[in-house]
Amino acid sequence: MPDFESGASGEILNSLGAPLITTAEFELLRDLVRERVGITLGPEKKSLLQGRLQKRLRELSLPDFHAYHEYLLSCGDQHQELQQFANAVTTNKTDFFRESHHFEFIAKSWLPPIVAAAKQGRPKSLRIWSAACSSGEEPYTLAFTLLDALGSDARSWDVSILATDINTRVLETAANGIYSMERVSTVPRPVLERHFLRGTGKNDGYCRVRANVRALVTFRKLNFMDAAWPMKKPFDLVFCRNALIYFDRKTQENLVRRFMQNLVPEGYLILGHSECVHGWFTDLKNLGNTVYRKTT
């Protein structure tokens, strides 16, 4: 059997009958990804986009990617297919305690001065945003870290962690807080025993984040490209790790500026290991290890 064959309508198919994306179709959909989601896709991502969207074509019984593009353009802004499109094109890679030095920084450097200030009258509240939270491992690790660092005093603190992502599929997983034992392999055993419940019976091989931890985290859908973000109060700390790498420089600068606008004076921004914004803004001080402090 040949690797490729032409369908009756002229579309290009692979040996399994699935449509292959043409260069012209890729460029149309790439532009739509950038417009709707903000992500920049280089030409090397052509096969990736094809694989991500083939399922959508099958479910909608569309013959090719051009038809899918036309379908998306015909959708209203609130149409569910636009969300399916966003879910398909976004990448979600995360782990518990990923880049563990950031959580060590929180427990050993960021939190102690705040606790000391609370003894002098500072409100005992912590407001944190985990942006691009994916399936929830990051915000839950933040919750573990804060609970363990505050110890027996944790109940007297008002801890609020907002966790957002554009992908509704991973947000559902995150809100459930249920993970396979393989997914929690990076969690130290004492932390696992304190903050998870092990499944039994039909749930054997899985565990769930304890209810008191889940209560600290609120999961919400948020598209970075939205003209307005629904934040009512600024945050003490913003985590946005390994998300900026998917955007072009102009979009990155705009996002960092908006993160800073949502930080309290002297608030902290923590980025991923490959994301450096040093020198971009005079009022953002680089403390090393992609930890930044707003200086105004």
Protein backbone atom coordinates (compact mmCIF):
# COMPACT_ATOMS: atom_id res chain seq x y z
CA MET A 1 0.00 0.00 0.00
CA PRO A 2 1.41 3.45 -0.85
CA ASP A 3 2.17 5.89 1.98
CA PHE A 4 -0.20 8.47 0.53
CA GLU A 5 -3.30 8.36 -1.57
CA SER A 6 -5.71 10.95 -2.92
CA GLY A 7 -9.26 10.78 -1.65
CA ALA A 8 -12.29 11.20 -3.84
CA SER A 9 -12.55 14.90 -2.99
CA GLY A 10 -8.85 15.48 -3.64
CA GLU A 11 -7.69 15.75 -0.03
CA ILE A 12 -4.35 14.22 0.95
CA LEU A 13 -4.63 11.12 3.13
CA ASN A 14 -2.12 8.95 4.88
CA SER A 15 -2.17 5.17 4.71
CA LEU A 16 -4.76 5.03 7.52
CA GLY A 17 -7.12 7.39 5.73
CA ALA A 18 -6.46 10.35 8.05
CA PRO A 19 -6.11 13.78 6.38
CA LEU A 20 -2.64 15.28 6.17
CA ILE A 21 -2.22 18.99 6.65
CA THR A 22 -0.93 21.00 3.71
CA THR A 23 1.43 23.95 4.11
CA ALA A 24 -1.36 26.37 3.26
CA GLU A 25 -3.69 24.77 5.81
CA PHE A 26 -0.96 24.81 8.44
CA GLU A 27 -0.40 28.52 7.92
CA LEU A 28 -4.13 29.27 8.24
CA LEU A 29 -4.46 27.30 11.47
CA ARG A 30 -1.13 28.55 12.83
CA ASP A 31 -2.41 32.12 12.49
CA LEU A 32 -5.63 31.19 14.24
CA VAL A 33 -3.70 29.57 17.09
CA ARG A 34 -1.73 32.76 17.55
CA GLU A 35 -4.85 34.93 17.42
CA ARG A 36 -6.92 32.83 19.79
CA VAL A 37 -4.34 31.35 22.14
CA GLY A 38 -1.25 33.52 21.62
CA ILE A 39 1.06 30.58 20.93
CA THR A 40 3.58 30.94 18.12
CA LEU A 41 4.12 27.79 16.04
CA GLY A 42 7.16 27.51 13.81
CA PRO A 43 7.14 25.44 10.60
CA GLU A 44 8.69 22.53 12.49
CA LYS A 45 5.40 22.19 14.39
CA LYS A 46 3.42 21.26 11.29
CA SER A 47 3.26 17.54 12.09
CA LEU A 48 2.48 18.28 15.73
CA LEU A 49 -0.49 20.47 14.81
CA GLN A 50 -1.68 17.86 12.34
CA GLY A 51 -1.65 15.15 14.99
CA ARG A 52 -3.33 17.33 17.57
CA LEU A 53 -6.22 18.29 15.29
CA GLN A 54 -6.92 15.08 13.38
CA LYS A 55 -9.23 13.90 16.17
CA ARG A 56 -11.29 17.08 15.83
CA LEU A 57 -11.71 16.44 12.09
CA ARG A 58 -12.88 12.89 12.78
CA GLU A 59 -15.36 13.93 15.45
CA LEU A 60 -16.80 16.66 13.23
CA SER A 61 -16.73 14.48 10.08
CA LEU A 62 -14.75 17.12 8.20
CA PRO A 63 -12.76 16.09 5.10
CA ASP A 64 -9.65 18.22 5.60
CA PHE A 65 -7.98 20.93 7.65
CA HIS A 66 -9.21 23.73 5.41
CA ALA A 67 -12.77 22.70 6.20
CA TYR A 68 -11.90 22.70 9.89
CA HIS A 69 -10.46 26.20 9.62
CA GLU A 70 -13.63 27.39 7.90
CA TYR A 71 -15.72 25.73 10.60
CA LEU A 72 -13.78 27.53 13.34
CA LEU A 73 -14.24 30.87 11.61
CA SER A 74 -17.98 30.28 11.44
CA CYS A 75 -18.22 29.59 15.18
CA GLY A 76 -19.36 32.27 17.55
CA ASP A 77 -16.90 33.37 20.22
CA GLN A 78 -18.58 31.16 22.83
CA HIS A 79 -18.84 28.06 20.65
CA GLN A 80 -17.59 24.91 22.36
CA GLU A 81 -15.41 23.97 19.37
CA LEU A 82 -13.17 26.98 20.01
CA GLN A 83 -12.49 25.53 23.45
CA GLN A 84 -11.83 22.09 21.95
CA PHE A 85 -9.40 23.80 19.56
CA ALA A 86 -7.59 25.49 22.45
CA ASN A 87 -7.46 22.23 24.40
CA ALA A 88 -5.96 20.44 21.41
CA VAL A 89 -3.20 22.92 20.59
CA THR A 90 -1.90 23.62 24.10
CA THR A 91 0.90 21.58 25.64
CA ASN A 92 0.58 20.42 29.24
CA LYS A 93 3.76 19.11 30.84
CA THR A 94 4.17 19.32 34.59
CA ASP A 95 5.17 17.36 37.67
CA PHE A 96 4.92 17.64 41.41
CA PHE A 97 7.91 19.55 42.81
CA ARG A 98 9.13 20.40 39.31
CA GLU A 99 12.12 22.74 39.62
CA SER A 100 12.17 22.05 43.36
CA HIS A 101 14.50 24.98 44.13
CA HIS A 102 11.53 27.33 43.68
CA PHE A 103 9.61 25.62 46.47
CA GLU A 104 12.71 25.67 48.67
CA PHE A 105 12.90 29.42 48.00
CA ILE A 106 9.30 29.85 49.11
CA ALA A 107 9.75 27.88 52.33
CA LYS A 108 13.16 29.22 53.32
CA SER A 109 13.44 32.72 51.83
CA TRP A 110 10.06 34.12 50.81
CA LEU A 111 7.79 32.98 53.63
CA PRO A 112 9.88 33.59 56.82
CA PRO A 113 9.92 37.42 56.50
CA ILE A 114 6.16 37.39 55.89
CA VAL A 115 5.62 35.26 59.01
CA ALA A 116 7.84 37.63 60.99
CA ALA A 117 5.89 40.62 59.72
CA ALA A 118 2.63 38.95 60.75
CA LYS A 119 3.89 38.91 64.34
CA GLN A 120 4.18 42.70 64.03
CA GLY A 121 0.63 43.08 62.76
CA ARG A 122 0.74 42.17 59.06
CA PRO A 123 -2.45 40.36 58.00
CA LYS A 124 -1.92 36.62 58.07
CA SER A 125 -2.92 36.13 54.45
CA LEU A 126 -1.17 34.77 51.38
CA ARG A 127 -2.50 35.29 47.89
CA ILE A 128 -0.79 33.30 45.12
CA TRP A 129 -1.49 32.77 41.43
CA SER A 130 -0.36 29.65 39.59
CA ALA A 131 -0.76 30.72 35.96
CA ALA A 132 -0.80 28.01 33.28
CA CYS A 133 -1.30 25.44 36.04
CA SER A 134 -2.00 22.49 33.71
CA SER A 135 -3.27 19.41 35.59
CA GLY A 136 -2.70 20.90 39.04
CA GLU A 137 0.63 19.54 40.22
CA GLU A 138 2.15 23.01 40.63
CA PRO A 139 -0.58 24.67 42.74
CA TYR A 140 -0.91 21.59 44.92
CA THR A 141 2.86 21.56 45.47
CA LEU A 142 2.59 25.22 46.47
CA ALA A 143 -0.12 24.28 48.96
CA PHE A 144 1.98 21.42 50.39
CA THR A 145 4.96 23.75 50.75
CA LEU A 146 3.01 26.47 52.54
CA LEU A 147 1.20 24.08 54.88
CA ASP A 148 4.40 22.33 55.86
CA ALA A 149 6.34 25.58 56.31
CA LEU A 150 3.60 27.19 58.43
CA GLY A 151 3.22 24.03 60.50
CA SER A 152 0.77 24.13 63.38
CA ASP A 153 0.09 27.82 62.70
CA ALA A 154 -1.29 27.11 59.20
CA ARG A 155 -4.93 27.15 60.33
CA SER A 156 -4.63 30.76 61.46
CA TRP A 157 -3.57 31.88 57.97
CA ASP A 158 -5.81 32.78 55.07
CA VAL A 159 -4.11 31.01 52.17
CA SER A 160 -5.61 31.45 48.71
CA ILE A 161 -4.10 29.90 45.58
CA LEU A 162 -5.67 30.74 42.24
CA ALA A 163 -4.76 28.22 39.54
CA THR A 164 -5.64 29.03 35.94
CA ASP A 165 -5.24 27.47 32.53
CA ILE A 166 -6.83 27.84 29.10
CA ASN A 167 -7.28 24.07 28.78
CA THR A 168 -10.55 22.97 30.38
CA ARG A 169 -9.67 19.29 30.09
CA VAL A 170 -6.62 19.54 32.36
CA LEU A 171 -8.48 21.87 34.72
CA GLU A 172 -11.04 19.13 35.33
CA THR A 173 -8.25 16.71 36.23
CA ALA A 174 -6.68 19.33 38.49
CA ALA A 175 -9.89 20.08 40.36
CA ASN A 176 -10.48 16.37 41.03
CA GLY A 177 -6.99 16.06 42.50
CA ILE A 178 -6.72 12.37 41.58
CA TYR A 179 -3.39 11.10 40.25
CA SER A 180 -1.82 7.76 39.44
CA MET A 181 0.92 6.53 41.74
CA GLU A 182 3.30 7.03 38.84
CA ARG A 183 2.37 10.73 38.68
CA VAL A 184 3.20 11.23 42.37
CA SER A 185 6.56 9.44 42.16
CA THR A 186 8.34 12.81 42.53
CA VAL A 187 6.56 13.57 45.81
CA PRO A 188 8.72 12.84 48.90
CA ARG A 189 7.18 10.03 50.91
CA PRO A 190 6.52 12.13 54.07
CA VAL A 191 4.68 14.71 51.92
CA LEU A 192 2.75 11.94 50.17
CA GLU A 193 1.63 10.50 53.50
CA ARG A 194 0.61 13.90 54.91
CA HIS A 195 -1.25 15.30 51.94
CA PHE A 196 -2.66 12.38 49.91
CA LEU A 197 -5.18 9.61 50.44
CA ARG A 198 -4.28 6.29 48.85
CA GLY A 199 -6.97 4.64 46.75
CA THR A 200 -8.24 1.16 47.50
CA GLY A 201 -10.38 -1.35 45.64
CA LYS A 202 -11.29 0.02 42.21
CA ASN A 203 -9.12 3.08 42.98
CA ASP A 204 -6.03 1.02 43.70
CA GLY A 205 -3.03 2.53 41.95
CA TYR A 206 -4.33 6.06 42.43
CA CYS A 207 -4.26 8.64 45.18
CA ARG A 208 -6.12 11.87 45.89
CA VAL A 209 -4.99 15.19 47.32
CA ARG A 210 -6.59 15.60 50.74
CA ALA A 211 -9.64 17.84 51.03
CA ASN A 212 -7.94 20.42 53.28
CA VAL A 213 -5.29 20.95 50.60
CA ARG A 214 -7.78 21.10 47.74
CA ALA A 215 -9.71 23.73 49.70
CA LEU A 216 -6.77 26.13 49.38
CA VAL A 217 -6.78 26.03 45.56
CA THR A 218 -9.36 27.52 43.20
CA PHE A 219 -9.19 26.40 39.57
CA ARG A 220 -10.44 28.70 36.83
CA LYS A 221 -10.21 28.94 33.06
CA LEU A 222 -8.15 31.90 31.83
CA ASN A 223 -6.87 32.79 28.38
CA PHE A 224 -3.79 35.00 28.55
CA MET A 225 -5.01 36.68 25.36
CA ASP A 226 -8.18 38.00 27.00
CA ALA A 227 -8.29 41.79 26.96
CA ALA A 228 -9.12 41.86 30.67
CA TRP A 229 -8.23 39.43 33.43
CA PRO A 230 -10.86 39.04 36.18
CA MET A 231 -8.47 39.59 39.10
CA LYS A 232 -9.98 41.60 41.93
CA LYS A 233 -6.91 41.90 44.16
CA PRO A 234 -3.15 41.77 43.52
CA PHE A 235 -1.08 38.72 44.42
CA ASP A 236 1.87 38.32 46.75
CA LEU A 237 3.40 35.78 44.39
CA VAL A 238 2.83 34.77 40.77
CA PHE A 239 4.08 31.48 39.33
CA CYS A 240 4.16 31.27 35.53
CA ARG A 241 6.69 28.61 34.68
CA ASN A 242 7.45 27.17 31.26
CA ALA A 243 4.58 28.96 29.55
CA LEU A 244 6.30 32.04 28.15
CA ILE A 245 8.44 29.83 25.91
CA TYR A 246 5.41 29.26 23.66
CA PHE A 247 4.97 32.97 22.89
CA ASP A 248 6.93 35.44 20.79
CA ARG A 249 8.99 38.19 22.44
CA LYS A 250 6.33 40.89 22.12
CA THR A 251 3.69 38.68 23.73
CA GLN A 252 6.12 37.63 26.45
CA GLU A 253 6.83 41.24 27.36
CA ASN A 254 3.14 42.05 27.44
CA LEU A 255 2.37 39.08 29.68
CA VAL A 256 5.18 39.86 32.14
CA ARG A 257 3.99 43.48 32.30
CA ARG A 258 0.47 42.27 33.09
CA PHE A 259 1.77 39.86 35.73
CA MET A 260 3.58 42.77 37.36
CA GLN A 261 0.38 44.82 37.35
CA ASN A 262 -1.24 41.99 39.31
CA LEU A 263 1.50 41.88 41.96
CA VAL A 264 1.55 43.78 45.24
CA PRO A 265 4.50 46.17 45.76
CA GLU A 266 7.57 44.02 46.41
CA GLY A 267 5.67 41.00 45.11
CA TYR A 268 7.43 38.08 43.45
CA LEU A 269 7.27 36.58 39.96
CA ILE A 270 8.69 33.10 39.38
CA LEU A 271 9.31 31.83 35.85
CA GLY A 272 10.57 28.56 34.37
CA HIS A 273 14.22 27.57 34.09
CA SER A 274 14.50 28.51 30.40
CA GLU A 275 12.67 31.82 30.71
CA CYS A 276 14.85 34.84 31.37
CA VAL A 277 13.43 38.37 31.42
CA HIS A 278 16.45 39.95 33.07
CA GLY A 279 16.84 43.56 31.92
CA TRP A 280 13.41 43.79 30.32
CA PHE A 281 11.94 46.02 33.04
CA THR A 282 13.73 48.40 35.39
CA ASP A 283 11.26 47.67 38.20
CA LEU A 284 11.77 43.89 38.13
CA LYS A 285 14.83 42.70 40.02
CA ASN A 286 16.43 39.37 39.14
CA LEU A 287 17.21 37.38 42.30
CA GLY A 288 18.57 34.36 40.42
CA ASN A 289 17.06 31.00 39.48
CA THR A 290 14.32 32.83 37.52
CA VAL A 291 12.97 34.46 40.67
CA TYR A 292 12.09 38.14 40.28
CA ARG A 293 10.91 40.80 42.69
CA LYS A 294 8.80 43.79 41.73
CA THR A 295 10.57 46.84 43.13
CA THR A 296 7.69 49.35 43.03
